[in-house]
Amino acid sequence: MKTSEELKKIVQEKYAEIAQGENISCCGSAPGVPEVYNIMTDDYSEVQGYTSDADLGLGCGLPTQFAKIQKGDTVIDLGSGAGNDCFIARHETGGTGKVIGIDFTEAMINKARSNAEKLRFNNVEFRQGDIENMPVSNDVADVIVSNCVLNLVPDKEKVIKEIYRSLKPGGHFSISDIVLVGDLPEKLKSDAEMYAGCVAGAIQKEVYLDHIRKTGFQNISIQKEKPIIIPDELLDRYLDPTEKEDFKKGTTGIFSITVFAQKPGIKPLKSVTDAIEIQSSCCGPVNTSGCC
């Protein structure tokens, strides 16, 4: 069993290779991009704010599409890669908001900063750091998003606690991730490429959701769920014919889920418009704390 630091090193090395590669595309046709990174990808191309140069095809959902980002919000993207989800979030939050991308890999940070400079976005920044110990203050984000990243992190419970710490009262997250129903074969779990490709690092769906509940989040819901099918040619690398047949006939399921949850509390008002909207649903005059 690899240690947490060994697993983190695997992720850094694998994703640095991808960040530094050429002609990487979301369809998985690029040379040197393992299939495991591409079997989960959703199509971003029709989403407003999409930036093709920032799309390395490494996600497993469209969390920004479900994140309910408002104009002027501060948004944090965990595992921001080359910046695609940050740029989509920036489209939603507008020039009055702020987007912070956090990534563990220096090569990804450099690529994302270069993309932001090309787009001339002065309210999108990228910080290198470990999302188990996020380089942001307490109660800073209105919204946190992440796309197929938490399953790469050894201590998922710690990351969820960091998300809670970093969100403002009343803030929320929308996170796409890979989860399991049933146990993966040990050969899949132990392989470095499968770990870095998000499959072997996944945990049980109910354990994942329980971490969120125990941290104190409320209004938890699954916004989207889809099965992930590992193709035969990929399974053949790890399992013999009998093991493969048993796996495909078994009860194990691999799923991409997009999860929403909210931190308890009332978000501070950003504008007069916010106050008017809250007052319309309140019992009396609005005050600076938010309602009634």
C-alpha atoms as a PDB file:
ATOM      1  CA  MET A   1       0.000   0.000   0.000  1.00  0.00           C
ATOM      2  CA  LYS A   2       1.465   3.343  -1.054  1.00  0.00           C
ATOM      3  CA  THR A   3       1.750   6.175   1.462  1.00  0.00           C
ATOM      4  CA  SER A   4      -0.085   9.478   1.052  1.00  0.00           C
ATOM      5  CA  GLU A   5       3.114  11.218  -0.005  1.00  0.00           C
ATOM      6  CA  GLU A   6       3.868   8.526  -2.590  1.00  0.00           C
ATOM      7  CA  LEU A   7       0.377   8.887  -4.057  1.00  0.00           C
ATOM      8  CA  LYS A   8       0.719  12.671  -4.200  1.00  0.00           C
ATOM      9  CA  LYS A   9       4.022  12.308  -6.024  1.00  0.00           C
ATOM     10  CA  ILE A  10       2.387   9.979  -8.574  1.00  0.00           C
ATOM     11  CA  VAL A  11      -0.302  12.580  -9.252  1.00  0.00           C
ATOM     12  CA  GLN A  12       2.204  15.426  -9.580  1.00  0.00           C
ATOM     13  CA  GLU A  13       4.367  13.492 -12.006  1.00  0.00           C
ATOM     14  CA  LYS A  14       1.492  12.237 -14.162  1.00  0.00           C
ATOM     15  CA  TYR A  15      -0.235  15.606 -14.427  1.00  0.00           C
ATOM     16  CA  ALA A  16       3.020  17.463 -15.034  1.00  0.00           C
ATOM     17  CA  GLU A  17       3.574  15.164 -18.025  1.00  0.00           C
ATOM     18  CA  ILE A  18       0.120  16.002 -19.355  1.00  0.00           C
ATOM     19  CA  ALA A  19       0.551  19.752 -18.777  1.00  0.00           C
ATOM     20  CA  GLN A  20       3.811  19.724 -20.692  1.00  0.00           C
ATOM     21  CA  GLY A  21       2.530  17.559 -23.555  1.00  0.00           C
ATOM     22  CA  GLU A  22       1.516  18.728 -27.012  1.00  0.00           C
ATOM     23  CA  ASN A  23      -1.728  18.353 -28.987  1.00  0.00           C
ATOM     24  CA  ILE A  24      -3.633  17.073 -25.986  1.00  0.00           C
ATOM     25  CA  SER A  25      -7.355  16.932 -26.699  1.00  0.00           C
ATOM     26  CA  CYS A  26     -10.443  16.014 -24.734  1.00  0.00           C
ATOM     27  CA  CYS A  27     -11.301  13.235 -27.153  1.00  0.00           C
ATOM     28  CA  GLY A  28      -8.271  11.202 -26.080  1.00  0.00           C
ATOM     29  CA  SER A  29      -6.764  10.990 -29.529  1.00  0.00           C
ATOM     30  CA  ALA A  30      -3.563  12.746 -28.584  1.00  0.00           C
ATOM     31  CA  PRO A  31      -0.415  10.632 -28.379  1.00  0.00           C
ATOM     32  CA  GLY A  32       0.804  10.015 -24.848  1.00  0.00           C
ATOM     33  CA  VAL A  33      -2.523  10.617 -23.120  1.00  0.00           C
ATOM     34  CA  PRO A  34      -3.631   7.356 -21.474  1.00  0.00           C
ATOM     35  CA  GLU A  35      -7.192   6.267 -22.167  1.00  0.00           C
ATOM     36  CA  VAL A  36      -7.977   6.241 -18.463  1.00  0.00           C
ATOM     37  CA  TYR A  37      -7.900  10.038 -18.397  1.00  0.00           C
ATOM     38  CA  ASN A  38     -10.485  10.328 -21.144  1.00  0.00           C
ATOM     39  CA  ILE A  39     -13.173   7.709 -20.519  1.00  0.00           C
ATOM     40  CA  MET A  40     -14.887  10.014 -18.002  1.00  0.00           C
ATOM     41  CA  THR A  41     -14.782  13.353 -19.808  1.00  0.00           C
ATOM     42  CA  ASP A  42     -17.911  15.409 -20.460  1.00  0.00           C
ATOM     43  CA  ASP A  43     -18.129  17.765 -23.429  1.00  0.00           C
ATOM     44  CA  TYR A  44     -17.494  21.375 -22.409  1.00  0.00           C
ATOM     45  CA  SER A  45     -17.491  22.906 -25.859  1.00  0.00           C
ATOM     46  CA  GLU A  46     -21.022  24.347 -25.662  1.00  0.00           C
ATOM     47  CA  VAL A  47     -20.577  25.851 -22.183  1.00  0.00           C
ATOM     48  CA  GLN A  48     -20.201  29.636 -22.107  1.00  0.00           C
ATOM     49  CA  GLY A  49     -16.702  30.699 -21.084  1.00  0.00           C
ATOM     50  CA  TYR A  50     -15.151  27.507 -22.456  1.00  0.00           C
ATOM     51  CA  THR A  51     -11.502  27.883 -23.477  1.00  0.00           C
ATOM     52  CA  SER A  52     -10.201  25.085 -25.680  1.00  0.00           C
ATOM     53  CA  ASP A  53      -6.536  25.766 -24.834  1.00  0.00           C
ATOM     54  CA  ALA A  54      -7.373  25.201 -21.167  1.00  0.00           C
ATOM     55  CA  ASP A  55      -9.294  21.946 -21.680  1.00  0.00           C
ATOM     56  CA  LEU A  56      -7.008  18.946 -21.196  1.00  0.00           C
ATOM     57  CA  GLY A  57      -9.890  16.464 -21.066  1.00  0.00           C
ATOM     58  CA  LEU A  58      -9.220  15.433 -17.472  1.00  0.00           C
ATOM     59  CA  GLY A  59     -12.613  16.053 -15.878  1.00  0.00           C
ATOM     60  CA  CYS A  60     -15.551  13.767 -15.185  1.00  0.00           C
ATOM     61  CA  GLY A  61     -18.413  16.265 -15.147  1.00  0.00           C
ATOM     62  CA  LEU A  62     -19.470  19.878 -15.629  1.00  0.00           C
ATOM     63  CA  PRO A  63     -19.575  21.244 -12.075  1.00  0.00           C
ATOM     64  CA  THR A  64     -19.591  24.900 -13.129  1.00  0.00           C
ATOM     65  CA  GLN A  65     -22.796  24.243 -15.063  1.00  0.00           C
ATOM     66  CA  PHE A  66     -24.545  23.301 -11.806  1.00  0.00           C
ATOM     67  CA  ALA A  67     -22.734  25.626  -9.392  1.00  0.00           C
ATOM     68  CA  LYS A  68     -25.293  28.487  -9.270  1.00  0.00           C
ATOM     69  CA  ILE A  69     -22.554  31.099  -9.574  1.00  0.00           C
ATOM     70  CA  GLN A  70     -23.805  34.702  -9.332  1.00  0.00           C
ATOM     71  CA  LYS A  71     -22.332  37.966 -10.563  1.00  0.00           C
ATOM     72  CA  GLY A  72     -19.744  39.255  -8.108  1.00  0.00           C
ATOM     73  CA  ASP A  73     -19.128  35.881  -6.438  1.00  0.00           C
ATOM     74  CA  THR A  74     -15.739  34.709  -5.256  1.00  0.00           C
ATOM     75  CA  VAL A  75     -15.207  31.215  -6.653  1.00  0.00           C
ATOM     76  CA  ILE A  76     -12.476  28.689  -5.833  1.00  0.00           C
ATOM     77  CA  ASP A  77     -11.665  25.804  -8.183  1.00  0.00           C
ATOM     78  CA  LEU A  78      -9.857  22.885  -6.561  1.00  0.00           C
ATOM     79  CA  GLY A  79      -7.418  21.132  -8.858  1.00  0.00           C
ATOM     80  CA  SER A  80      -7.738  23.869 -11.465  1.00  0.00           C
ATOM     81  CA  GLY A  81      -5.430  22.292 -14.062  1.00  0.00           C
ATOM     82  CA  ALA A  82      -4.965  24.499 -17.120  1.00  0.00           C
ATOM     83  CA  GLY A  83      -7.814  26.765 -15.984  1.00  0.00           C
ATOM     84  CA  ASN A  84     -10.880  25.740 -17.974  1.00  0.00           C
ATOM     85  CA  ASP A  85     -13.346  25.584 -15.067  1.00  0.00           C
ATOM     86  CA  CYS A  86     -11.929  28.848 -13.711  1.00  0.00           C
ATOM     87  CA  PHE A  87     -12.579  30.601 -17.007  1.00  0.00           C
ATOM     88  CA  ILE A  88     -16.118  29.259 -17.167  1.00  0.00           C
ATOM     89  CA  ALA A  89     -16.661  30.402 -13.565  1.00  0.00           C
ATOM     90  CA  ARG A  90     -15.282  33.807 -14.501  1.00  0.00           C
ATOM     91  CA  HIS A  91     -17.879  34.077 -17.257  1.00  0.00           C
ATOM     92  CA  GLU A  92     -20.568  33.565 -14.608  1.00  0.00           C
ATOM     93  CA  THR A  93     -19.138  35.786 -11.878  1.00  0.00           C
ATOM     94  CA  GLY A  94     -18.215  38.567 -14.313  1.00  0.00           C
ATOM     95  CA  GLY A  95     -15.643  41.294 -13.946  1.00  0.00           C
ATOM     96  CA  THR A  96     -16.868  42.191 -10.439  1.00  0.00           C
ATOM     97  CA  GLY A  97     -16.174  38.737  -9.038  1.00  0.00           C
ATOM     98  CA  LYS A  98     -12.990  36.814  -8.359  1.00  0.00           C
ATOM     99  CA  VAL A  99     -11.858  33.297  -9.269  1.00  0.00           C
ATOM    100  CA  ILE A 100      -9.018  31.450  -7.535  1.00  0.00           C
ATOM    101  CA  GLY A 101      -7.648  28.238  -8.996  1.00  0.00           C
ATOM    102  CA  ILE A 102      -5.603  25.936  -6.750  1.00  0.00           C
ATOM    103  CA  ASP A 103      -3.445  23.159  -8.149  1.00  0.00           C
ATOM    104  CA  PHE A 104      -0.721  20.900  -6.760  1.00  0.00           C
ATOM    105  CA  THR A 105       1.327  20.756  -9.948  1.00  0.00           C
ATOM    106  CA  GLU A 106       3.639  23.610 -10.908  1.00  0.00           C
ATOM    107  CA  ALA A 107       3.420  22.858 -14.632  1.00  0.00           C
ATOM    108  CA  MET A 108      -0.384  23.136 -14.501  1.00  0.00           C
ATOM    109  CA  ILE A 109      -0.191  26.444 -12.623  1.00  0.00           C
ATOM    110  CA  ASN A 110       2.186  27.837 -15.231  1.00  0.00           C
ATOM    111  CA  LYS A 111      -0.085  26.694 -18.069  1.00  0.00           C
ATOM    112  CA  ALA A 112      -3.164  28.180 -16.400  1.00  0.00           C
ATOM    113  CA  ARG A 113      -1.455  31.527 -15.757  1.00  0.00           C
ATOM    114  CA  SER A 114      -0.361  31.685 -19.380  1.00  0.00           C
ATOM    115  CA  ASN A 115      -3.930  31.032 -20.515  1.00  0.00           C
ATOM    116  CA  ALA A 116      -5.284  33.735 -18.177  1.00  0.00           C
ATOM    117  CA  GLU A 117      -2.792  36.235 -19.531  1.00  0.00           C
ATOM    118  CA  LYS A 118      -3.840  35.486 -23.100  1.00  0.00           C
ATOM    119  CA  LEU A 119      -7.469  36.072 -22.109  1.00  0.00           C
ATOM    120  CA  ARG A 120      -6.521  39.281 -20.234  1.00  0.00           C
ATOM    121  CA  PHE A 121      -8.432  38.252 -17.137  1.00  0.00           C
ATOM    122  CA  ASN A 122      -7.264  40.317 -14.181  1.00  0.00           C
ATOM    123  CA  ASN A 123      -9.673  38.740 -11.692  1.00  0.00           C
ATOM    124  CA  VAL A 124      -8.562  35.114 -12.145  1.00  0.00           C
ATOM    125  CA  GLU A 125      -5.512  33.935 -10.227  1.00  0.00           C
ATOM    126  CA  PHE A 126      -3.824  30.584  -9.741  1.00  0.00           C
ATOM    127  CA  ARG A 127      -2.137  29.429  -6.547  1.00  0.00           C
ATOM    128  CA  GLN A 128       0.039  26.369  -6.194  1.00  0.00           C
ATOM    129  CA  GLY A 129      -0.891  24.364  -3.134  1.00  0.00           C
ATOM    130  CA  ASP A 130      -2.217  21.179  -1.593  1.00  0.00           C
ATOM    131  CA  ILE A 131      -6.007  21.188  -1.297  1.00  0.00           C
ATOM    132  CA  GLU A 132      -5.635  19.247   1.948  1.00  0.00           C
ATOM    133  CA  ASN A 133      -4.290  22.569   3.262  1.00  0.00           C
ATOM    134  CA  MET A 134      -5.716  25.199   0.933  1.00  0.00           C
ATOM    135  CA  PRO A 135      -3.783  28.487   0.550  1.00  0.00           C
ATOM    136  CA  VAL A 136      -6.833  30.673   1.237  1.00  0.00           C
ATOM    137  CA  SER A 137      -8.319  32.395   4.278  1.00  0.00           C
ATOM    138  CA  ASN A 138     -11.360  31.305   6.260  1.00  0.00           C
ATOM    139  CA  ASP A 139     -14.838  32.206   4.961  1.00  0.00           C
ATOM    140  CA  VAL A 140     -13.598  33.620   1.653  1.00  0.00           C
ATOM    141  CA  ALA A 141     -15.544  31.793  -1.080  1.00  0.00           C
ATOM    142  CA  ASP A 142     -19.156  32.078  -2.136  1.00  0.00           C
ATOM    143  CA  VAL A 143     -18.820  28.968  -4.305  1.00  0.00           C
ATOM    144  CA  ILE A 144     -16.279  26.144  -4.574  1.00  0.00           C
ATOM    145  CA  VAL A 145     -16.092  23.884  -7.609  1.00  0.00           C
ATOM    146  CA  SER A 146     -13.899  20.930  -8.490  1.00  0.00           C
ATOM    147  CA  ASN A 147     -13.779  18.490 -11.386  1.00  0.00           C
ATOM    148  CA  CYS A 148     -12.533  14.953 -10.826  1.00  0.00           C
ATOM    149  CA  VAL A 149      -9.923  15.889  -8.236  1.00  0.00           C
ATOM    150  CA  LEU A 150     -10.923  14.784  -4.727  1.00  0.00           C
ATOM    151  CA  ASN A 151     -10.545  11.125  -5.696  1.00  0.00           C
ATOM    152  CA  LEU A 152      -6.859  11.869  -6.398  1.00  0.00           C
ATOM    153  CA  VAL A 153      -6.354  13.068  -2.822  1.00  0.00           C
ATOM    154  CA  PRO A 154      -5.465  10.503  -0.137  1.00  0.00           C
ATOM    155  CA  ASP A 155      -7.261  12.315   2.714  1.00  0.00           C
ATOM    156  CA  LYS A 156     -10.640  13.218   1.232  1.00  0.00           C
ATOM    157  CA  GLU A 157     -12.182  13.938   4.619  1.00  0.00           C
ATOM    158  CA  LYS A 158      -9.556  16.609   5.272  1.00  0.00           C
ATOM    159  CA  VAL A 159     -10.261  18.270   1.917  1.00  0.00           C
ATOM    160  CA  ILE A 160     -13.974  18.416   2.680  1.00  0.00           C
ATOM    161  CA  LYS A 161     -13.183  20.072   6.016  1.00  0.00           C
ATOM    162  CA  GLU A 162     -10.991  22.579   4.143  1.00  0.00           C
ATOM    163  CA  ILE A 163     -13.873  23.306   1.773  1.00  0.00           C
ATOM    164  CA  TYR A 164     -16.098  23.984   4.785  1.00  0.00           C
ATOM    165  CA  ARG A 165     -13.480  26.285   6.313  1.00  0.00           C
ATOM    166  CA  SER A 166     -12.995  28.268   3.126  1.00  0.00           C
ATOM    167  CA  LEU A 167     -16.666  28.829   2.278  1.00  0.00           C
ATOM    168  CA  LYS A 168     -18.542  31.829   3.612  1.00  0.00           C
ATOM    169  CA  PRO A 169     -21.557  31.073   5.813  1.00  0.00           C
ATOM    170  CA  GLY A 170     -24.345  30.194   3.392  1.00  0.00           C
ATOM    171  CA  GLY A 171     -21.823  29.437   0.631  1.00  0.00           C
ATOM    172  CA  HIS A 172     -21.980  26.195  -1.327  1.00  0.00           C
ATOM    173  CA  PHE A 173     -20.006  23.803  -3.473  1.00  0.00           C
ATOM    174  CA  SER A 174     -20.652  21.829  -6.643  1.00  0.00           C
ATOM    175  CA  ILE A 175     -18.116  19.068  -7.170  1.00  0.00           C
ATOM    176  CA  SER A 176     -17.843  16.382  -9.848  1.00  0.00           C
ATOM    177  CA  ASP A 177     -16.019  13.255  -8.749  1.00  0.00           C
ATOM    178  CA  ILE A 178     -15.657   9.496  -9.227  1.00  0.00           C
ATOM    179  CA  VAL A 179     -17.195   7.157  -6.639  1.00  0.00           C
ATOM    180  CA  LEU A 180     -17.704   3.420  -6.337  1.00  0.00           C
ATOM    181  CA  VAL A 181     -20.515   1.062  -5.491  1.00  0.00           C
ATOM    182  CA  GLY A 182     -18.756  -2.179  -4.550  1.00  0.00           C
ATOM    183  CA  ASP A 183     -15.001  -2.852  -4.472  1.00  0.00           C
ATOM    184  CA  LEU A 184     -12.592  -2.579  -7.381  1.00  0.00           C
ATOM    185  CA  PRO A 185     -10.272  -5.538  -8.070  1.00  0.00           C
ATOM    186  CA  GLU A 186      -7.009  -5.093  -6.181  1.00  0.00           C
ATOM    187  CA  LYS A 187      -4.954  -4.970  -9.400  1.00  0.00           C
ATOM    188  CA  LEU A 188      -6.852  -1.859 -10.498  1.00  0.00           C
ATOM    189  CA  LYS A 189      -6.435  -0.221  -7.104  1.00  0.00           C
ATOM    190  CA  SER A 190      -2.698  -0.747  -6.949  1.00  0.00           C
ATOM    191  CA  ASP A 191      -1.766   0.596 -10.374  1.00  0.00           C
ATOM    192  CA  ALA A 192      -0.262   4.088 -10.493  1.00  0.00           C
ATOM    193  CA  GLU A 193      -1.827   5.046 -13.809  1.00  0.00           C
ATOM    194  CA  MET A 194      -5.284   4.018 -12.663  1.00  0.00           C
ATOM    195  CA  TYR A 195      -4.797   6.050  -9.494  1.00  0.00           C
ATOM    196  CA  ALA A 196      -3.681   9.155 -11.350  1.00  0.00           C
ATOM    197  CA  GLY A 197      -6.528   8.592 -13.788  1.00  0.00           C
ATOM    198  CA  CYS A 198      -9.059   8.941 -10.958  1.00  0.00           C
ATOM    199  CA  VAL A 199     -10.383   5.386 -10.866  1.00  0.00           C
ATOM    200  CA  ALA A 200      -8.270   3.586  -8.273  1.00  0.00           C
ATOM    201  CA  GLY A 201      -8.390   6.514  -5.849  1.00  0.00           C
ATOM    202  CA  ALA A 202     -12.184   6.574  -5.711  1.00  0.00           C
ATOM    203  CA  ILE A 203     -14.035   5.641  -2.531  1.00  0.00           C
ATOM    204  CA  GLN A 204     -17.494   4.243  -1.882  1.00  0.00           C
ATOM    205  CA  LYS A 205     -20.338   6.587  -2.799  1.00  0.00           C
ATOM    206  CA  GLU A 206     -21.984   6.405   0.619  1.00  0.00           C
ATOM    207  CA  VAL A 207     -18.668   6.978   2.415  1.00  0.00           C
ATOM    208  CA  TYR A 208     -18.068  10.037   0.223  1.00  0.00           C
ATOM    209  CA  LEU A 209     -21.499  11.476   1.003  1.00  0.00           C
ATOM    210  CA  ASP A 210     -21.106  10.625   4.688  1.00  0.00           C
ATOM    211  CA  HIS A 211     -17.890  12.673   4.885  1.00  0.00           C
ATOM    212  CA  ILE A 212     -19.883  15.646   3.582  1.00  0.00           C
ATOM    213  CA  ARG A 213     -22.707  15.110   6.095  1.00  0.00           C
ATOM    214  CA  LYS A 214     -20.369  14.668   9.064  1.00  0.00           C
ATOM    215  CA  THR A 215     -18.494  17.877   8.220  1.00  0.00           C
ATOM    216  CA  GLY A 216     -21.721  19.806   8.768  1.00  0.00           C
ATOM    217  CA  PHE A 217     -22.915  20.595   5.259  1.00  0.00           C
ATOM    218  CA  GLN A 218     -26.634  20.791   4.576  1.00  0.00           C
ATOM    219  CA  ASN A 219     -28.943  20.678   1.538  1.00  0.00           C
ATOM    220  CA  ILE A 220     -26.823  17.863   0.068  1.00  0.00           C
ATOM    221  CA  SER A 221     -27.993  16.619  -3.321  1.00  0.00           C
ATOM    222  CA  ILE A 222     -26.623  14.743  -6.332  1.00  0.00           C
ATOM    223  CA  GLN A 223     -27.077  17.050  -9.308  1.00  0.00           C
ATOM    224  CA  LYS A 224     -25.939  14.532 -11.919  1.00  0.00           C
ATOM    225  CA  GLU A 225     -24.869  10.900 -11.969  1.00  0.00           C
ATOM    226  CA  LYS A 226     -23.548   8.742 -14.802  1.00  0.00           C
ATOM    227  CA  PRO A 227     -21.904   5.305 -14.971  1.00  0.00           C
ATOM    228  CA  ILE A 228     -18.267   5.043 -16.073  1.00  0.00           C
ATOM    229  CA  ILE A 229     -17.536   2.068 -18.299  1.00  0.00           C
ATOM    230  CA  ILE A 230     -13.906   0.915 -18.419  1.00  0.00           C
ATOM    231  CA  PRO A 231     -13.271  -0.423 -21.940  1.00  0.00           C
ATOM    232  CA  ASP A 232     -12.071  -3.996 -22.452  1.00  0.00           C
ATOM    233  CA  GLU A 233      -8.721  -2.938 -23.873  1.00  0.00           C
ATOM    234  CA  LEU A 234      -7.981  -1.067 -20.664  1.00  0.00           C
ATOM    235  CA  LEU A 235      -9.150  -3.859 -18.375  1.00  0.00           C
ATOM    236  CA  ASP A 236      -6.953  -6.293 -20.321  1.00  0.00           C
ATOM    237  CA  ARG A 237      -3.895  -4.463 -19.000  1.00  0.00           C
ATOM    238  CA  TYR A 238      -4.748  -5.356 -15.414  1.00  0.00           C
ATOM    239  CA  LEU A 239      -7.011  -8.410 -15.321  1.00  0.00           C
ATOM    240  CA  ASP A 240      -6.778 -11.890 -16.809  1.00  0.00           C
ATOM    241  CA  PRO A 241      -9.833 -13.125 -18.803  1.00  0.00           C
ATOM    242  CA  THR A 242     -11.477 -14.785 -15.798  1.00  0.00           C
ATOM    243  CA  GLU A 243     -10.934 -11.762 -13.551  1.00  0.00           C
ATOM    244  CA  LYS A 244     -12.258  -9.440 -16.245  1.00  0.00           C
ATOM    245  CA  GLU A 245     -15.398 -11.516 -16.724  1.00  0.00           C
ATOM    246  CA  ASP A 246     -16.013 -11.635 -12.963  1.00  0.00           C
ATOM    247  CA  PHE A 247     -15.541  -7.866 -12.734  1.00  0.00           C
ATOM    248  CA  LYS A 248     -17.961  -7.116 -15.571  1.00  0.00           C
ATOM    249  CA  LYS A 249     -20.600  -9.481 -14.193  1.00  0.00           C
ATOM    250  CA  GLY A 250     -20.204  -8.305 -10.601  1.00  0.00           C
ATOM    251  CA  THR A 251     -22.000  -5.642  -8.607  1.00  0.00           C
ATOM    252  CA  THR A 252     -19.208  -3.069  -8.729  1.00  0.00           C
ATOM    253  CA  GLY A 253     -20.193   0.198 -10.322  1.00  0.00           C
ATOM    254  CA  ILE A 254     -17.999   3.200 -11.116  1.00  0.00           C
ATOM    255  CA  PHE A 255     -19.901   6.480 -11.289  1.00  0.00           C
ATOM    256  CA  SER A 256     -19.297  10.139 -11.943  1.00  0.00           C
ATOM    257  CA  ILE A 257     -21.422  12.214  -9.592  1.00  0.00           C
ATOM    258  CA  THR A 258     -21.833  15.958  -9.265  1.00  0.00           C
ATOM    259  CA  VAL A 259     -22.630  16.794  -5.635  1.00  0.00           C
ATOM    260  CA  PHE A 260     -24.070  20.035  -4.252  1.00  0.00           C
ATOM    261  CA  ALA A 261     -23.924  21.021  -0.577  1.00  0.00           C
ATOM    262  CA  GLN A 262     -24.242  24.225   1.425  1.00  0.00           C
ATOM    263  CA  LYS A 263     -22.493  25.553   4.513  1.00  0.00           C
ATOM    264  CA  PRO A 264     -25.001  26.648   7.160  1.00  0.00           C
ATOM    265  CA  GLY A 265     -25.504  30.371   7.703  1.00  0.00           C
ATOM    266  CA  ILE A 266     -26.535  33.481   5.806  1.00  0.00           C
ATOM    267  CA  LYS A 267     -24.241  34.935   3.169  1.00  0.00           C
ATOM    268  CA  PRO A 268     -23.233  38.584   3.672  1.00  0.00           C
ATOM    269  CA  LEU A 269     -24.953  40.982   1.278  1.00  0.00           C
ATOM    270  CA  LYS A 270     -22.838  42.126  -1.666  1.00  0.00           C
ATOM    271  CA  SER A 271     -25.170  44.766  -3.087  1.00  0.00           C
ATOM    272  CA  VAL A 272     -28.463  46.610  -2.808  1.00  0.00           C
ATOM    273  CA  THR A 273     -29.876  44.188  -5.382  1.00  0.00           C
ATOM    274  CA  ASP A 274     -29.110  41.297  -3.023  1.00  0.00           C
ATOM    275  CA  ALA A 275     -30.927  43.100  -0.224  1.00  0.00           C
ATOM    276  CA  ILE A 276     -34.010  43.684  -2.372  1.00  0.00           C
ATOM    277  CA  GLU A 277     -34.095  40.027  -3.430  1.00  0.00           C
ATOM    278  CA  ILE A 278     -33.844  38.840   0.170  1.00  0.00           C
ATOM    279  CA  GLN A 279     -36.419  41.370   1.399  1.00  0.00           C
ATOM    280  CA  SER A 280     -38.926  40.111  -1.142  1.00  0.00           C
ATOM    281  CA  SER A 281     -38.949  36.730   0.625  1.00  0.00           C
ATOM    282  CA  CYS A 282     -38.758  38.084   4.181  1.00  0.00           C
ATOM    283  CA  CYS A 283     -41.299  39.048   6.805  1.00  0.00           C
ATOM    284  CA  GLY A 284     -40.115  42.620   7.254  1.00  0.00           C
ATOM    285  CA  PRO A 285     -37.348  45.140   6.551  1.00  0.00           C
ATOM    286  CA  VAL A 286     -34.037  43.577   5.630  1.00  0.00           C
ATOM    287  CA  ASN A 287     -30.960  44.184   7.781  1.00  0.00           C
ATOM    288  CA  THR A 288     -27.223  43.711   7.239  1.00  0.00           C
ATOM    289  CA  SER A 289     -27.296  40.147   8.496  1.00  0.00           C
ATOM    290  CA  GLY A 290     -29.609  39.171   5.685  1.00  0.00           C
ATOM    291  CA  CYS A 291     -33.236  38.756   6.741  1.00  0.00           C
ATOM    292  CA  CYS A 292     -36.022  39.905   9.062  1.00  0.00           C
END
